[in-house]
C-alpha atoms as a PDB file:
ATOM      1  CA  UNK A   1      21.950  34.900 -37.902  1.00  0.00           C
ATOM      2  CA  UNK A   2      18.530  36.555 -38.273  1.00  0.00           C
ATOM      3  CA  UNK A   3      17.612  39.137 -36.731  1.00  0.00           C
ATOM      4  CA  UNK A   4      14.068  38.319 -35.544  1.00  0.00           C
ATOM      5  CA  UNK A   5      15.861  35.365 -33.493  1.00  0.00           C
ATOM      6  CA  UNK A   6      18.472  37.469 -32.207  1.00  0.00           C
ATOM      7  CA  UNK A   7      18.186  38.198 -28.218  1.00  0.00           C
ATOM      8  CA  UNK A   8      18.803  41.540 -26.363  1.00  0.00           C
ATOM      9  CA  UNK A   9      21.822  39.751 -24.973  1.00  0.00           C
ATOM     10  CA  UNK A  10      23.137  38.571 -28.086  1.00  0.00           C
ATOM     11  CA  UNK A  11      23.248  41.815 -29.807  1.00  0.00           C
ATOM     12  CA  UNK A  12      24.830  43.111 -26.992  1.00  0.00           C
ATOM     13  CA  UNK A  13      27.452  40.733 -27.596  1.00  0.00           C
ATOM     14  CA  UNK A  14      27.286  41.264 -31.601  1.00  0.00           C
ATOM     15  CA  UNK A  15      28.192  44.765 -30.551  1.00  0.00           C
ATOM     16  CA  UNK A  16      31.025  44.221 -28.055  1.00  0.00           C
ATOM     17  CA  UNK A  17      32.776  41.012 -30.154  1.00  0.00           C
ATOM     18  CA  UNK A  18      32.154  44.546 -33.387  1.00  0.00           C
ATOM     19  CA  UNK A  19      34.207  46.603 -31.061  1.00  0.00           C
ATOM     20  CA  UNK A  20      36.594  44.907 -30.175  1.00  0.00           C
ATOM     21  CA  UNK A  21      37.056  43.667 -33.820  1.00  0.00           C
ATOM     22  CA  UNK A  22      37.244  47.254 -34.939  1.00  0.00           C
ATOM     23  CA  UNK A  23      39.679  48.287 -32.893  1.00  0.00           C
ATOM     24  CA  UNK A  24      41.993  45.357 -33.195  1.00  0.00           C
ATOM     25  CA  UNK A  25      41.551  46.513 -37.177  1.00  0.00           C
ATOM     26  CA  UNK A  26      42.513  49.815 -36.209  1.00  0.00           C
ATOM     27  CA  UNK A  27      45.705  48.495 -34.251  1.00  0.00           C
ATOM     28  CA  UNK A  28      46.253  46.633 -37.592  1.00  0.00           C
ATOM     29  CA  UNK A  29      46.373  49.255 -39.876  1.00  0.00           C
ATOM     30  CA  UNK A  30      48.286  51.433 -37.239  1.00  0.00           C
ATOM     31  CA  UNK A  31      50.889  48.422 -37.817  1.00  0.00           C
ATOM     32  CA  UNK A  32      50.686  48.189 -41.220  1.00  0.00           C
ATOM     33  CA  UNK A  33      50.786  51.660 -42.157  1.00  0.00           C
ATOM     34  CA  UNK A  34      54.185  52.696 -43.396  1.00  0.00           C
ATOM     35  CA  UNK A  35      56.145  55.145 -41.099  1.00  0.00           C
ATOM     36  CA  UNK A  36      57.260  58.331 -42.681  1.00  0.00           C
ATOM     37  CA  UNK A  37      60.472  59.006 -43.725  1.00  0.00           C
ATOM     38  CA  UNK A  38      62.420  62.477 -42.978  1.00  0.00           C
ATOM     39  CA  UNK A  39      62.292  64.397 -46.098  1.00  0.00           C
ATOM     40  CA  UNK A  40      65.787  64.308 -46.705  1.00  0.00           C
ATOM     41  CA  UNK A  41      66.061  61.261 -47.065  1.00  0.00           C
ATOM     42  CA  UNK A  42      66.145  60.406 -50.591  1.00  0.00           C
ATOM     43  CA  UNK A  43      63.327  57.884 -51.938  1.00  0.00           C
ATOM     44  CA  UNK A  44      65.002  55.237 -53.627  1.00  0.00           C
ATOM     45  CA  UNK A  45      66.001  54.332 -50.063  1.00  0.00           C
ATOM     46  CA  UNK A  46      62.872  54.347 -48.854  1.00  0.00           C
ATOM     47  CA  UNK A  47      61.999  52.108 -51.373  1.00  0.00           C
ATOM     48  CA  UNK A  48      64.173  49.705 -50.676  1.00  0.00           C
ATOM     49  CA  UNK A  49      63.426  49.375 -47.142  1.00  0.00           C
ATOM     50  CA  UNK A  50      59.737  48.875 -47.976  1.00  0.00           C
ATOM     51  CA  UNK A  51      60.673  46.020 -50.621  1.00  0.00           C
ATOM     52  CA  UNK A  52      62.771  44.361 -47.992  1.00  0.00           C
ATOM     53  CA  UNK A  53      60.346  44.967 -45.024  1.00  0.00           C
ATOM     54  CA  UNK A  54      57.317  42.331 -46.361  1.00  0.00           C
ATOM     55  CA  UNK A  55      54.182  43.643 -44.890  1.00  0.00           C
ATOM     56  CA  UNK A  56      52.049  40.706 -44.958  1.00  0.00           C
ATOM     57  CA  UNK A  57      53.864  38.688 -42.439  1.00  0.00           C
ATOM     58  CA  UNK A  58      52.470  38.819 -38.898  1.00  0.00           C
ATOM     59  CA  UNK A  59      55.103  39.234 -35.756  1.00  0.00           C
ATOM     60  CA  UNK A  60      54.810  36.780 -33.075  1.00  0.00           C
ATOM     61  CA  UNK A  61      52.874  40.067 -31.351  1.00  0.00           C
ATOM     62  CA  UNK A  62      50.596  40.282 -33.728  1.00  0.00           C
ATOM     63  CA  UNK A  63      49.584  36.085 -34.396  1.00  0.00           C
ATOM     64  CA  UNK A  64      49.552  36.180 -30.100  1.00  0.00           C
ATOM     65  CA  UNK A  65      46.799  39.516 -30.266  1.00  0.00           C
ATOM     66  CA  UNK A  66      44.745  37.678 -32.560  1.00  0.00           C
ATOM     67  CA  UNK A  67      44.745  34.196 -30.823  1.00  0.00           C
ATOM     68  CA  UNK A  68      43.899  36.016 -27.797  1.00  0.00           C
ATOM     69  CA  UNK A  69      40.926  38.117 -29.789  1.00  0.00           C
ATOM     70  CA  UNK A  70      39.834  34.378 -30.933  1.00  0.00           C
ATOM     71  CA  UNK A  71      39.991  32.623 -27.825  1.00  0.00           C
ATOM     72  CA  UNK A  72      38.004  35.715 -26.250  1.00  0.00           C
ATOM     73  CA  UNK A  73      35.734  36.023 -29.105  1.00  0.00           C
ATOM     74  CA  UNK A  74      34.770  32.449 -28.492  1.00  0.00           C
ATOM     75  CA  UNK A  75      34.186  32.669 -24.983  1.00  0.00           C
ATOM     76  CA  UNK A  76      32.168  35.667 -25.338  1.00  0.00           C
ATOM     77  CA  UNK A  77      30.025  33.999 -27.660  1.00  0.00           C
ATOM     78  CA  UNK A  78      30.187  30.992 -25.425  1.00  0.00           C
ATOM     79  CA  UNK A  79      28.469  33.098 -22.554  1.00  0.00           C
ATOM     80  CA  UNK A  80      26.068  35.584 -24.689  1.00  0.00           C
ATOM     81  CA  UNK A  81      24.271  32.365 -25.867  1.00  0.00           C
ATOM     82  CA  UNK A  82      21.102  31.973 -23.843  1.00  0.00           C
ATOM     83  CA  UNK A  83      20.837  28.313 -24.883  1.00  0.00           C
ATOM     84  CA  UNK A  84      21.730  25.654 -22.803  1.00  0.00           C
ATOM     85  CA  UNK A  85      23.301  22.801 -23.715  1.00  0.00           C
ATOM     86  CA  UNK A  86      21.592  19.788 -23.988  1.00  0.00           C
ATOM     87  CA  UNK A  87      20.361  17.724 -21.515  1.00  0.00           C
ATOM     88  CA  UNK A  88      21.264  13.971 -21.179  1.00  0.00           C
ATOM     89  CA  UNK A  89      18.220  11.320 -21.245  1.00  0.00           C
ATOM     90  CA  UNK A  90      19.976   9.645 -18.149  1.00  0.00           C
ATOM     91  CA  UNK A  91      18.876  11.614 -14.588  1.00  0.00           C
ATOM     92  CA  UNK A  92      20.857  10.624 -11.912  1.00  0.00           C
ATOM     93  CA  UNK A  93      20.617  11.482  -8.088  1.00  0.00           C
ATOM     94  CA  UNK A  94      23.605  13.895  -8.328  1.00  0.00           C
ATOM     95  CA  UNK A  95      21.966  16.127 -11.104  1.00  0.00           C
ATOM     96  CA  UNK A  96      18.474  16.177  -9.663  1.00  0.00           C
ATOM     97  CA  UNK A  97      20.556  17.254  -5.867  1.00  0.00           C
ATOM     98  CA  UNK A  98      22.639  19.629  -8.134  1.00  0.00           C
ATOM     99  CA  UNK A  99      19.746  21.160  -9.914  1.00  0.00           C
ATOM    100  CA  UNK A 100      20.535  20.434 -13.049  1.00  0.00           C
ATOM    101  CA  UNK A 101      16.722  19.117 -13.353  1.00  0.00           C
ATOM    102  CA  UNK A 102      15.415  22.628 -12.244  1.00  0.00           C
ATOM    103  CA  UNK A 103      17.073  24.410 -16.082  1.00  0.00           C
ATOM    104  CA  UNK A 104      15.283  27.135 -18.111  1.00  0.00           C
ATOM    105  CA  UNK A 105      15.018  24.305 -20.838  1.00  0.00           C
ATOM    106  CA  UNK A 106      13.581  21.340 -18.768  1.00  0.00           C
ATOM    107  CA  UNK A 107      11.317  24.048 -17.060  1.00  0.00           C
ATOM    108  CA  UNK A 108      10.082  25.160 -21.045  1.00  0.00           C
ATOM    109  CA  UNK A 109       9.419  21.868 -22.089  1.00  0.00           C
ATOM    110  CA  UNK A 110       7.267  20.597 -18.842  1.00  0.00           C
ATOM    111  CA  UNK A 111       5.927  23.976 -18.240  1.00  0.00           C
ATOM    112  CA  UNK A 112       1.810  22.064 -18.856  1.00  0.00           C
ATOM    113  CA  UNK A 113       2.797  19.649 -16.581  1.00  0.00           C
ATOM    114  CA  UNK A 114       4.056  21.346 -13.745  1.00  0.00           C
ATOM    115  CA  UNK A 115       0.730  23.750 -13.704  1.00  0.00           C
ATOM    116  CA  UNK A 116      -1.671  20.389 -13.668  1.00  0.00           C
ATOM    117  CA  UNK A 117       0.543  19.685 -10.679  1.00  0.00           C
ATOM    118  CA  UNK A 118      -0.064  22.560  -9.295  1.00  0.00           C
ATOM    119  CA  UNK A 119      -3.926  22.352 -10.376  1.00  0.00           C
ATOM    120  CA  UNK A 120      -3.884  19.225  -8.432  1.00  0.00           C
ATOM    121  CA  UNK A 121      -1.897  19.875  -5.544  1.00  0.00           C
ATOM    122  CA  UNK A 122      -4.724  23.249  -4.605  1.00  0.00           C
ATOM    123  CA  UNK A 123      -7.209  20.492  -5.494  1.00  0.00           C
ATOM    124  CA  UNK A 124      -5.966  18.165  -2.998  1.00  0.00           C
ATOM    125  CA  UNK A 125      -5.568  21.360  -0.596  1.00  0.00           C
ATOM    126  CA  UNK A 126      -8.998  22.313  -0.849  1.00  0.00           C
ATOM    127  CA  UNK A 127     -10.420  18.704  -0.618  1.00  0.00           C
ATOM    128  CA  UNK A 128      -8.556  17.771   2.609  1.00  0.00           C
ATOM    129  CA  UNK A 129      -9.900  21.200   4.093  1.00  0.00           C
ATOM    130  CA  UNK A 130     -13.912  20.822   2.862  1.00  0.00           C
ATOM    131  CA  UNK A 131     -13.855  16.842   4.507  1.00  0.00           C
ATOM    132  CA  UNK A 132     -12.197  18.120   7.654  1.00  0.00           C
ATOM    133  CA  UNK A 133     -15.027  20.913   7.535  1.00  0.00           C
ATOM    134  CA  UNK A 134     -17.439  18.216   6.979  1.00  0.00           C
ATOM    135  CA  UNK A 135     -16.599  15.805   9.663  1.00  0.00           C
ATOM    136  CA  UNK A 136     -16.412  18.933  12.170  1.00  0.00           C
ATOM    137  CA  UNK A 137     -20.019  19.360  11.338  1.00  0.00           C
ATOM    138  CA  UNK A 138     -21.101  15.461  11.371  1.00  0.00           C
ATOM    139  CA  UNK A 139     -19.545  14.951  14.709  1.00  0.00           C
ATOM    140  CA  UNK A 140     -22.042  18.376  16.181  1.00  0.00           C
ATOM    141  CA  UNK A 141     -24.563  16.637  14.863  1.00  0.00           C
ATOM    142  CA  UNK A 142     -23.775  12.972  16.153  1.00  0.00           C
ATOM    143  CA  UNK A 143     -23.808  15.373  19.594  1.00  0.00           C
ATOM    144  CA  UNK A 144     -26.763  16.977  19.056  1.00  0.00           C
ATOM    145  CA  UNK A 145     -28.851  13.696  17.954  1.00  0.00           C
ATOM    146  CA  UNK A 146     -27.837  12.073  20.830  1.00  0.00           C
ATOM    147  CA  UNK A 147     -29.203  15.047  23.189  1.00  0.00           C
ATOM    148  CA  UNK A 148     -32.179  14.955  21.398  1.00  0.00           C
ATOM    149  CA  UNK A 149     -32.677  11.196  21.880  1.00  0.00           C
ATOM    150  CA  UNK A 150     -31.921  11.117  25.165  1.00  0.00           C
ATOM    151  CA  UNK A 151     -34.539  14.374  25.580  1.00  0.00           C
ATOM    152  CA  UNK A 152     -36.957  11.783  23.676  1.00  0.00           C
ATOM    153  CA  UNK A 153     -36.578   9.007  25.970  1.00  0.00           C
ATOM    154  CA  UNK A 154     -36.637  10.710  29.421  1.00  0.00           C
ATOM    155  CA  UNK A 155     -40.022  12.410  27.754  1.00  0.00           C
ATOM    156  CA  UNK A 156     -41.753   8.864  26.825  1.00  0.00           C
ATOM    157  CA  UNK A 157     -40.908   7.581  30.201  1.00  0.00           C
ATOM    158  CA  UNK A 158     -42.561  10.093  31.984  1.00  0.00           C
ATOM    159  CA  UNK A 159     -45.378   9.995  29.297  1.00  0.00           C
ATOM    160  CA  UNK A 160     -45.671   5.953  30.156  1.00  0.00           C
ATOM    161  CA  UNK A 161     -45.677   7.423  34.360  1.00  0.00           C
ATOM    162  CA  UNK A 162     -47.955   9.392  33.727  1.00  0.00           C
ATOM    163  CA  UNK A 163     -50.304   7.785  31.989  1.00  0.00           C
ATOM    164  CA  UNK A 164     -50.097   5.013  34.168  1.00  0.00           C
ATOM    165  CA  UNK A 165     -54.064   3.902  35.803  1.00  0.00           C
ATOM    166  CA  UNK A 166     -52.773   4.226  39.492  1.00  0.00           C
ATOM    167  CA  UNK A 167     -50.990   7.782  38.800  1.00  0.00           C
ATOM    168  CA  UNK A 168     -54.237   8.874  37.171  1.00  0.00           C
ATOM    169  CA  UNK A 169     -56.681   7.370  39.895  1.00  0.00           C
ATOM    170  CA  UNK A 170     -54.352   9.176  42.094  1.00  0.00           C
ATOM    171  CA  UNK A 171     -54.732  12.623  40.840  1.00  0.00           C
ATOM    172  CA  UNK A 172     -58.759  11.916  40.582  1.00  0.00           C
ATOM    173  CA  UNK A 173     -58.358  11.086  44.372  1.00  0.00           C
ATOM    174  CA  UNK A 174     -56.875  14.478  44.669  1.00  0.00           C
ATOM    175  CA  UNK A 175     -58.690  16.846  42.535  1.00  0.00           C
ATOM    176  CA  UNK A 176     -62.233  16.127  44.063  1.00  0.00           C
ATOM    177  CA  UNK A 177     -64.149  18.048  41.612  1.00  0.00           C
ATOM    178  CA  UNK A 178     -64.321  14.924  39.758  1.00  0.00           C
ATOM    179  CA  UNK A 179     -67.155  13.168  38.848  1.00  0.00           C
ATOM    180  CA  UNK A 180     -65.150  10.016  37.283  1.00  0.00           C
ATOM    181  CA  UNK A 181     -64.348   6.403  39.744  1.00  0.00           C
ATOM    182  CA  UNK A 182     -63.551   3.254  39.723  1.00  0.00           C
ATOM    183  CA  UNK A 183     -66.165   0.777  38.646  1.00  0.00           C
ATOM    184  CA  UNK A 184     -66.982  -1.508  41.110  1.00  0.00           C
ATOM    185  CA  UNK A 185     -68.667  -4.006  38.868  1.00  0.00           C
ATOM    186  CA  UNK A 186     -66.819  -5.852  36.356  1.00  0.00           C
ATOM    187  CA  UNK A 187     -68.484  -4.912  32.901  1.00  0.00           C
ATOM    188  CA  UNK A 188     -71.034  -6.698  31.446  1.00  0.00           C
ATOM    189  CA  UNK A 189     -72.171  -7.208  27.999  1.00  0.00           C
ATOM    190  CA  UNK A 190     -75.928  -6.316  26.905  1.00  0.00           C
ATOM    191  CA  UNK A 191     -77.311  -8.175  24.277  1.00  0.00           C
ATOM    192  CA  UNK A 192     -80.057  -5.843  22.347  1.00  0.00           C
ATOM    193  CA  UNK A 193     -82.786  -8.455  19.907  1.00  0.00           C
ATOM    194  CA  UNK A 194     -83.768  -6.985  16.685  1.00  0.00           C
END
């Protein structure tokens, strides 16, 4: 494996595996080492014993320990891997509800899509709030417009009433200081010769 591509937890797992291997090797060396014979025993007998007992054949205990060690090593390597099992192409309801769709590999491969969706949601929410604010402002302006229309209508009706001829004459009669009067004769046209 490349040292640059190894993740920190993979390095720790390798260190643990190496420690386990070294302890297993040390145990094997202790078992393989010849036992010390008493000095009184003749050297020939010890040579015969070493020839009779082959050191290379593993006993049942050793083979069980090696098999157990191998399974432990495989399990440790399997757990220490960061990458996940590949997702299948078919998405079922069970996988979606079970949370398999939210795996790290899936999230990493779709991160830009997720960012775009989040941005669109933020824009959608802000747009909705601005539209609501504008609708409230439009309602307030419509109410003000109605009030102004009613005021303009009432003031124009008051002006029409006050500018009637009969009302003007009433005011003139009440104020005696005015020289304006109603004509008693109808108007006539004056012709001027040139």
